[in-house]
Amino acid sequence: MVQPLLDGSFVNKDPAFIFWMPVLLTGLCLVRVWPGFWAATGMRWVATRVVMDIRNAMFNKLLVLPTRRFDDISAALCCPN
């Protein structure tokens, strides 16, 4: 795969090949990197969203508990010094 690159640019000194090769290599790198970036970004968004949903569900559950539930639990058990 490197042979045409070396022959076209260094041996034959083709100006068109010399011009387009960096553009093609940059494009190839972008094509390989871009999906990985979006996959990582998507996974990070999903993970953040799952944690936020769990926190919201837990908070909503705590809001509807009767006050007697909180009176029964000693503060010393929740937060020991």
PDB file of N, CA and C in Angstrom:
ATOM      1  N   MET A   1       0.816  -1.194   0.000  1.00  0.00           N
ATOM      2  CA  MET A   1       0.000   0.000   0.000  1.00  0.00           C
ATOM      3  C   MET A   1       0.858   1.257   0.000  1.00  0.00           C
ATOM      4  N   VAL A   2       2.040   1.171   0.524  1.00  0.00           N
ATOM      5  CA  VAL A   2       2.913   2.337   0.584  1.00  0.00           C
ATOM      6  C   VAL A   2       3.665   2.511  -0.736  1.00  0.00           C
ATOM      7  N   GLN A   3       3.827   1.437  -1.488  1.00  0.00           N
ATOM      8  CA  GLN A   3       4.590   1.493  -2.742  1.00  0.00           C
ATOM      9  C   GLN A   3       4.023   2.524  -3.723  1.00  0.00           C
ATOM     10  N   PRO A   4       2.702   2.565  -4.004  1.00  0.00           N
ATOM     11  CA  PRO A   4       2.186   3.594  -4.915  1.00  0.00           C
ATOM     12  C   PRO A   4       2.395   5.011  -4.382  1.00  0.00           C
ATOM     13  N   LEU A   5       2.321   5.159  -3.096  1.00  0.00           N
ATOM     14  CA  LEU A   5       2.548   6.472  -2.494  1.00  0.00           C
ATOM     15  C   LEU A   5       3.975   6.940  -2.740  1.00  0.00           C
ATOM     16  N   LEU A   6       4.921   6.055  -2.504  1.00  0.00           N
ATOM     17  CA  LEU A   6       6.318   6.418  -2.698  1.00  0.00           C
ATOM     18  C   LEU A   6       6.660   6.590  -4.173  1.00  0.00           C
ATOM     19  N   ASP A   7       6.137   5.713  -5.035  1.00  0.00           N
ATOM     20  CA  ASP A   7       6.429   5.816  -6.466  1.00  0.00           C
ATOM     21  C   ASP A   7       5.822   7.081  -7.064  1.00  0.00           C
ATOM     22  N   GLY A   8       4.602   7.391  -6.709  1.00  0.00           N
ATOM     23  CA  GLY A   8       3.928   8.552  -7.293  1.00  0.00           C
ATOM     24  C   GLY A   8       4.500   9.875  -6.838  1.00  0.00           C
ATOM     25  N   SER A   9       4.973   9.922  -5.604  1.00  0.00           N
ATOM     26  CA  SER A   9       5.443  11.210  -5.098  1.00  0.00           C
ATOM     27  C   SER A   9       6.959  11.385  -5.203  1.00  0.00           C
ATOM     28  N   PHE A  10       7.719  10.380  -4.823  1.00  0.00           N
ATOM     29  CA  PHE A  10       9.175  10.560  -4.788  1.00  0.00           C
ATOM     30  C   PHE A  10       9.879  10.103  -6.064  1.00  0.00           C
ATOM     31  N   VAL A  11       9.399   9.034  -6.680  1.00  0.00           N
ATOM     32  CA  VAL A  11      10.089   8.512  -7.866  1.00  0.00           C
ATOM     33  C   VAL A  11       9.630   9.257  -9.114  1.00  0.00           C
ATOM     34  N   ASN A  12       8.312   9.294  -9.365  1.00  0.00           N
ATOM     35  CA  ASN A  12       7.786   9.932 -10.577  1.00  0.00           C
ATOM     36  C   ASN A  12       7.627  11.432 -10.435  1.00  0.00           C
ATOM     37  N   LYS A  13       7.562  11.923  -9.221  1.00  0.00           N
ATOM     38  CA  LYS A  13       7.382  13.351  -8.930  1.00  0.00           C
ATOM     39  C   LYS A  13       6.183  13.923  -9.684  1.00  0.00           C
ATOM     40  N   ASP A  14       5.078  13.195  -9.631  1.00  0.00           N
ATOM     41  CA  ASP A  14       3.836  13.622 -10.271  1.00  0.00           C
ATOM     42  C   ASP A  14       3.203  14.731  -9.419  1.00  0.00           C
ATOM     43  N   PRO A  15       3.065  15.953  -9.953  1.00  0.00           N
ATOM     44  CA  PRO A  15       2.542  17.074  -9.148  1.00  0.00           C
ATOM     45  C   PRO A  15       1.105  16.845  -8.675  1.00  0.00           C
ATOM     46  N   ALA A  16       0.281  16.233  -9.506  1.00  0.00           N
ATOM     47  CA  ALA A  16      -1.107  15.979  -9.103  1.00  0.00           C
ATOM     48  C   ALA A  16      -1.144  14.975  -7.952  1.00  0.00           C
ATOM     49  N   PHE A  17      -0.325  13.960  -8.065  1.00  0.00           N
ATOM     50  CA  PHE A  17      -0.269  12.945  -7.011  1.00  0.00           C
ATOM     51  C   PHE A  17       0.264  13.545  -5.715  1.00  0.00           C
ATOM     52  N   ILE A  18       1.274  14.396  -5.815  1.00  0.00           N
ATOM     53  CA  ILE A  18       1.845  15.047  -4.641  1.00  0.00           C
ATOM     54  C   ILE A  18       0.804  15.956  -3.982  1.00  0.00           C
ATOM     55  N   PHE A  19      -0.033  16.619  -4.774  1.00  0.00           N
ATOM     56  CA  PHE A  19      -1.069  17.497  -4.232  1.00  0.00           C
ATOM     57  C   PHE A  19      -2.190  16.709  -3.544  1.00  0.00           C
ATOM     58  N   TRP A  20      -2.655  15.647  -4.182  1.00  0.00           N
ATOM     59  CA  TRP A  20      -3.830  14.929  -3.672  1.00  0.00           C
ATOM     60  C   TRP A  20      -3.528  13.919  -2.572  1.00  0.00           C
ATOM     61  N   MET A  21      -2.313  13.445  -2.458  1.00  0.00           N
ATOM     62  CA  MET A  21      -2.003  12.422  -1.469  1.00  0.00           C
ATOM     63  C   MET A  21      -2.221  12.908  -0.028  1.00  0.00           C
ATOM     64  N   PRO A  22      -1.766  14.101   0.376  1.00  0.00           N
ATOM     65  CA  PRO A  22      -2.059  14.547   1.747  1.00  0.00           C
ATOM     66  C   PRO A  22      -3.562  14.708   1.999  1.00  0.00           C
ATOM     67  N   VAL A  23      -4.290  15.156   0.979  1.00  0.00           N
ATOM     68  CA  VAL A  23      -5.736  15.304   1.117  1.00  0.00           C
ATOM     69  C   VAL A  23      -6.376  13.932   1.326  1.00  0.00           C
ATOM     70  N   LEU A  24      -5.963  12.946   0.557  1.00  0.00           N
ATOM     71  CA  LEU A  24      -6.508  11.596   0.697  1.00  0.00           C
ATOM     72  C   LEU A  24      -6.141  10.965   2.043  1.00  0.00           C
ATOM     73  N   LEU A  25      -4.912  11.158   2.491  1.00  0.00           N
ATOM     74  CA  LEU A  25      -4.505  10.611   3.788  1.00  0.00           C
ATOM     75  C   LEU A  25      -5.265  11.271   4.941  1.00  0.00           C
ATOM     76  N   THR A  26      -5.456  12.587   4.845  1.00  0.00           N
ATOM     77  CA  THR A  26      -6.240  13.291   5.868  1.00  0.00           C
ATOM     78  C   THR A  26      -7.675  12.795   5.867  1.00  0.00           C
ATOM     79  N   GLY A  27      -8.250  12.627   4.687  1.00  0.00           N
ATOM     80  CA  GLY A  27      -9.617  12.110   4.586  1.00  0.00           C
ATOM     81  C   GLY A  27      -9.731  10.704   5.153  1.00  0.00           C
ATOM     82  N   LEU A  28      -8.754   9.870   4.875  1.00  0.00           N
ATOM     83  CA  LEU A  28      -8.757   8.508   5.409  1.00  0.00           C
ATOM     84  C   LEU A  28      -8.689   8.509   6.935  1.00  0.00           C
ATOM     85  N   CYS A  29      -7.861   9.366   7.480  1.00  0.00           N
ATOM     86  CA  CYS A  29      -7.766   9.468   8.947  1.00  0.00           C
ATOM     87  C   CYS A  29      -9.090   9.937   9.538  1.00  0.00           C
ATOM     88  N   LEU A  30      -9.725  10.919   8.914  1.00  0.00           N
ATOM     89  CA  LEU A  30     -11.015  11.410   9.409  1.00  0.00           C
ATOM     90  C   LEU A  30     -12.092  10.335   9.334  1.00  0.00           C
ATOM     91  N   VAL A  31     -12.074   9.559   8.257  1.00  0.00           N
ATOM     92  CA  VAL A  31     -13.065   8.495   8.103  1.00  0.00           C
ATOM     93  C   VAL A  31     -12.886   7.439   9.193  1.00  0.00           C
ATOM     94  N   ARG A  32     -11.668   7.208   9.606  1.00  0.00           N
ATOM     95  CA  ARG A  32     -11.419   6.210  10.650  1.00  0.00           C
ATOM     96  C   ARG A  32     -11.697   6.751  12.046  1.00  0.00           C
ATOM     97  N   VAL A  33     -11.426   8.022  12.286  1.00  0.00           N
ATOM     98  CA  VAL A  33     -11.550   8.602  13.623  1.00  0.00           C
ATOM     99  C   VAL A  33     -12.979   9.033  13.932  1.00  0.00           C
ATOM    100  N   TRP A  34     -13.681   9.572  12.958  1.00  0.00           N
ATOM    101  CA  TRP A  34     -15.008  10.159  13.167  1.00  0.00           C
ATOM    102  C   TRP A  34     -16.013   9.186  13.795  1.00  0.00           C
ATOM    103  N   PRO A  35     -16.173   7.961  13.322  1.00  0.00           N
ATOM    104  CA  PRO A  35     -17.130   7.037  13.966  1.00  0.00           C
ATOM    105  C   PRO A  35     -16.756   6.714  15.418  1.00  0.00           C
ATOM    106  N   GLY A  36     -15.486   6.593  15.709  1.00  0.00           N
ATOM    107  CA  GLY A  36     -15.061   6.335  17.079  1.00  0.00           C
ATOM    108  C   GLY A  36     -15.403   7.483  18.009  1.00  0.00           C
ATOM    109  N   PHE A  37     -15.240   8.697  17.511  1.00  0.00           N
ATOM    110  CA  PHE A  37     -15.598   9.872  18.302  1.00  0.00           C
ATOM    111  C   PHE A  37     -17.081   9.871  18.623  1.00  0.00           C
ATOM    112  N   TRP A  38     -17.917   9.630  17.603  1.00  0.00           N
ATOM    113  CA  TRP A  38     -19.368   9.644  17.832  1.00  0.00           C
ATOM    114  C   TRP A  38     -19.823   8.468  18.683  1.00  0.00           C
ATOM    115  N   ALA A  39     -19.162   7.334  18.584  1.00  0.00           N
ATOM    116  CA  ALA A  39     -19.509   6.198  19.437  1.00  0.00           C
ATOM    117  C   ALA A  39     -19.199   6.521  20.900  1.00  0.00           C
ATOM    118  N   ALA A  40     -18.040   7.101  21.158  1.00  0.00           N
ATOM    119  CA  ALA A  40     -17.673   7.464  22.534  1.00  0.00           C
ATOM    120  C   ALA A  40     -18.603   8.545  23.076  1.00  0.00           C
ATOM    121  N   THR A  41     -18.928   9.524  22.254  1.00  0.00           N
ATOM    122  CA  THR A  41     -19.831  10.586  22.684  1.00  0.00           C
ATOM    123  C   THR A  41     -21.219  10.033  22.973  1.00  0.00           C
ATOM    124  N   GLY A  42     -21.700   9.138  22.128  1.00  0.00           N
ATOM    125  CA  GLY A  42     -23.011   8.534  22.339  1.00  0.00           C
ATOM    126  C   GLY A  42     -23.059   7.694  23.598  1.00  0.00           C
ATOM    127  N   MET A  43     -22.026   6.918  23.859  1.00  0.00           N
ATOM    128  CA  MET A  43     -21.983   6.090  25.061  1.00  0.00           C
ATOM    129  C   MET A  43     -21.931   6.952  26.317  1.00  0.00           C
ATOM    130  N   ARG A  44     -21.178   8.044  26.248  1.00  0.00           N
ATOM    131  CA  ARG A  44     -21.100   8.953  27.392  1.00  0.00           C
ATOM    132  C   ARG A  44     -22.461   9.601  27.656  1.00  0.00           C
ATOM    133  N   TRP A  45     -23.176   9.976  26.603  1.00  0.00           N
ATOM    134  CA  TRP A  45     -24.504  10.570  26.746  1.00  0.00           C
ATOM    135  C   TRP A  45     -25.479   9.565  27.351  1.00  0.00           C
ATOM    136  N   VAL A  46     -25.443   8.333  26.863  1.00  0.00           N
ATOM    137  CA  VAL A  46     -26.344   7.297  27.389  1.00  0.00           C
ATOM    138  C   VAL A  46     -26.048   7.033  28.860  1.00  0.00           C
ATOM    139  N   ALA A  47     -24.781   6.907  29.229  1.00  0.00           N
ATOM    140  CA  ALA A  47     -24.417   6.638  30.620  1.00  0.00           C
ATOM    141  C   ALA A  47     -24.872   7.777  31.523  1.00  0.00           C
ATOM    142  N   THR A  48     -24.663   9.005  31.099  1.00  0.00           N
ATOM    143  CA  THR A  48     -25.093  10.158  31.885  1.00  0.00           C
ATOM    144  C   THR A  48     -26.602  10.172  32.032  1.00  0.00           C
ATOM    145  N   ARG A  49     -27.299   9.860  30.974  1.00  0.00           N
ATOM    146  CA  ARG A  49     -28.764   9.855  30.994  1.00  0.00           C
ATOM    147  C   ARG A  49     -29.301   8.762  31.930  1.00  0.00           C
ATOM    148  N   VAL A  50     -28.679   7.589  31.930  1.00  0.00           N
ATOM    149  CA  VAL A  50     -29.115   6.501  32.808  1.00  0.00           C
ATOM    150  C   VAL A  50     -28.935   6.901  34.272  1.00  0.00           C
ATOM    151  N   VAL A  51     -27.790   7.473  34.611  1.00  0.00           N
ATOM    152  CA  VAL A  51     -27.545   7.902  35.989  1.00  0.00           C
ATOM    153  C   VAL A  51     -28.547   8.985  36.397  1.00  0.00           C
ATOM    154  N   MET A  52     -28.813   9.931  35.503  1.00  0.00           N
ATOM    155  CA  MET A  52     -29.777  10.988  35.806  1.00  0.00           C
ATOM    156  C   MET A  52     -31.179  10.417  36.023  1.00  0.00           C
ATOM    157  N   ASP A  53     -31.580   9.457  35.200  1.00  0.00           N
ATOM    158  CA  ASP A  53     -32.902   8.836  35.369  1.00  0.00           C
ATOM    159  C   ASP A  53     -33.015   8.093  36.693  1.00  0.00           C
ATOM    160  N   ILE A  54     -31.958   7.379  37.089  1.00  0.00           N
ATOM    161  CA  ILE A  54     -31.969   6.659  38.365  1.00  0.00           C
ATOM    162  C   ILE A  54     -32.050   7.640  39.528  1.00  0.00           C
ATOM    163  N   ARG A  55     -31.280   8.732  39.451  1.00  0.00           N
ATOM    164  CA  ARG A  55     -31.318   9.738  40.517  1.00  0.00           C
ATOM    165  C   ARG A  55     -32.699  10.385  40.621  1.00  0.00           C
ATOM    166  N   ASN A  56     -33.293  10.702  39.481  1.00  0.00           N
ATOM    167  CA  ASN A  56     -34.629  11.299  39.501  1.00  0.00           C
ATOM    168  C   ASN A  56     -35.658  10.335  40.079  1.00  0.00           C
ATOM    169  N   ALA A  57     -35.575   9.066  39.714  1.00  0.00           N
ATOM    170  CA  ALA A  57     -36.515   8.080  40.239  1.00  0.00           C
ATOM    171  C   ALA A  57     -36.357   7.936  41.758  1.00  0.00           C
ATOM    172  N   MET A  58     -35.124   7.911  42.245  1.00  0.00           N
ATOM    173  CA  MET A  58     -34.889   7.798  43.671  1.00  0.00           C
ATOM    174  C   MET A  58     -35.386   9.047  44.411  1.00  0.00           C
ATOM    175  N   PHE A  59     -35.127  10.220  43.868  1.00  0.00           N
ATOM    176  CA  PHE A  59     -35.575  11.462  44.496  1.00  0.00           C
ATOM    177  C   PHE A  59     -37.100  11.516  44.544  1.00  0.00           C
ATOM    178  N   ASN A  60     -37.756  11.138  43.457  1.00  0.00           N
ATOM    179  CA  ASN A  60     -39.224  11.133  43.441  1.00  0.00           C
ATOM    180  C   ASN A  60     -39.781  10.129  44.456  1.00  0.00           C
ATOM    181  N   LYS A  61     -39.116   9.022  44.649  1.00  0.00           N
ATOM    182  CA  LYS A  61     -39.547   8.029  45.635  1.00  0.00           C
ATOM    183  C   LYS A  61     -39.399   8.590  47.044  1.00  0.00           C
ATOM    184  N   LEU A  62     -38.309   9.310  47.303  1.00  0.00           N
ATOM    185  CA  LEU A  62     -38.098   9.902  48.624  1.00  0.00           C
ATOM    186  C   LEU A  62     -39.125  10.991  48.930  1.00  0.00           C
ATOM    187  N   LEU A  63     -39.567  11.700  47.917  1.00  0.00           N
ATOM    188  CA  LEU A  63     -40.531  12.775  48.126  1.00  0.00           C
ATOM    189  C   LEU A  63     -41.894  12.269  48.592  1.00  0.00           C
ATOM    190  N   VAL A  64     -42.272  11.069  48.203  1.00  0.00           N
ATOM    191  CA  VAL A  64     -43.608  10.574  48.532  1.00  0.00           C
ATOM    192  C   VAL A  64     -43.626   9.694  49.785  1.00  0.00           C
ATOM    193  N   LEU A  65     -42.462   9.457  50.393  1.00  0.00           N
ATOM    194  CA  LEU A  65     -42.439   8.672  51.628  1.00  0.00           C
ATOM    195  C   LEU A  65     -43.084   9.473  52.757  1.00  0.00           C
ATOM    196  N   PRO A  66     -43.782   8.803  53.645  1.00  0.00           N
ATOM    197  CA  PRO A  66     -44.369   9.519  54.778  1.00  0.00           C
ATOM    198  C   PRO A  66     -43.279  10.005  55.733  1.00  0.00           C
ATOM    199  N   THR A  67     -43.581  11.073  56.453  1.00  0.00           N
ATOM    200  CA  THR A  67     -42.579  11.639  57.361  1.00  0.00           C
ATOM    201  C   THR A  67     -42.241  10.673  58.490  1.00  0.00           C
ATOM    202  N   ARG A  68     -43.156   9.786  58.803  1.00  0.00           N
ATOM    203  CA  ARG A  68     -42.909   8.786  59.843  1.00  0.00           C
ATOM    204  C   ARG A  68     -41.680   7.935  59.497  1.00  0.00           C
ATOM    205  N   ARG A  69     -41.470   7.658  58.238  1.00  0.00           N
ATOM    206  CA  ARG A  69     -40.320   6.871  57.774  1.00  0.00           C
ATOM    207  C   ARG A  69     -39.016   7.557  58.166  1.00  0.00           C
ATOM    208  N   PHE A  70     -38.971   8.880  58.037  1.00  0.00           N
ATOM    209  CA  PHE A  70     -37.754   9.616  58.372  1.00  0.00           C
ATOM    210  C   PHE A  70     -37.602   9.784  59.881  1.00  0.00           C
ATOM    211  N   ASP A  71     -38.716   9.817  60.598  1.00  0.00           N
ATOM    212  CA  ASP A  71     -38.649   9.916  62.058  1.00  0.00           C
ATOM    213  C   ASP A  71     -38.121   8.634  62.666  1.00  0.00           C
ATOM    214  N   ASP A  72     -38.396   7.506  62.055  1.00  0.00           N
ATOM    215  CA  ASP A  72     -37.957   6.211  62.584  1.00  0.00           C
ATOM    216  C   ASP A  72     -36.464   5.968  62.421  1.00  0.00           C
ATOM    217  N   ILE A  73     -35.860   6.608  61.456  1.00  0.00           N
ATOM    218  CA  ILE A  73     -34.442   6.398  61.189  1.00  0.00           C
ATOM    219  C   ILE A  73     -33.641   7.454  61.962  1.00  0.00           C
ATOM    220  N   SER A  74     -32.755   6.990  62.800  1.00  0.00           N
ATOM    221  CA  SER A  74     -31.926   7.907  63.585  1.00  0.00           C
ATOM    222  C   SER A  74     -30.878   8.559  62.691  1.00  0.00           C
ATOM    223  N   ALA A  75     -30.597   9.815  62.944  1.00  0.00           N
ATOM    224  CA  ALA A  75     -29.574  10.534  62.181  1.00  0.00           C
ATOM    225  C   ALA A  75     -28.203   9.940  62.432  1.00  0.00           C
ATOM    226  N   ALA A  76     -27.996   9.357  63.608  1.00  0.00           N
ATOM    227  CA  ALA A  76     -26.699   8.755  63.927  1.00  0.00           C
ATOM    228  C   ALA A  76     -26.425   7.541  63.053  1.00  0.00           C
ATOM    229  N   LEU A  77     -27.488   6.814  62.638  1.00  0.00           N
ATOM    230  CA  LEU A  77     -27.297   5.666  61.764  1.00  0.00           C
ATOM    231  C   LEU A  77     -26.948   6.100  60.346  1.00  0.00           C
ATOM    232  N   CYS A  78     -27.505   7.216  59.923  1.00  0.00           N
ATOM    233  CA  CYS A  78     -27.249   7.693  58.559  1.00  0.00           C
ATOM    234  C   CYS A  78     -25.887   8.345  58.414  1.00  0.00           C
ATOM    235  N   CYS A  79     -25.511   9.131  59.382  1.00  0.00           N
ATOM    236  CA  CYS A  79     -24.285   9.910  59.278  1.00  0.00           C
ATOM    237  C   CYS A  79     -23.449   9.784  60.541  1.00  0.00           C
ATOM    238  N   PRO A  80     -22.745   8.682  60.732  1.00  0.00           N
ATOM    239  CA  PRO A  80     -21.918   8.547  61.945  1.00  0.00           C
ATOM    240  C   PRO A  80     -20.723   9.489  61.898  1.00  0.00           C
ATOM    241  N   ASN A  81     -20.310   9.936  63.068  1.00  0.00           N
ATOM    242  CA  ASN A  81     -19.153  10.846  63.131  1.00  0.00           C
ATOM    243  C   ASN A  81     -17.883  10.107  63.203  1.00  0.00           C
TER     244      ASN A  81
END
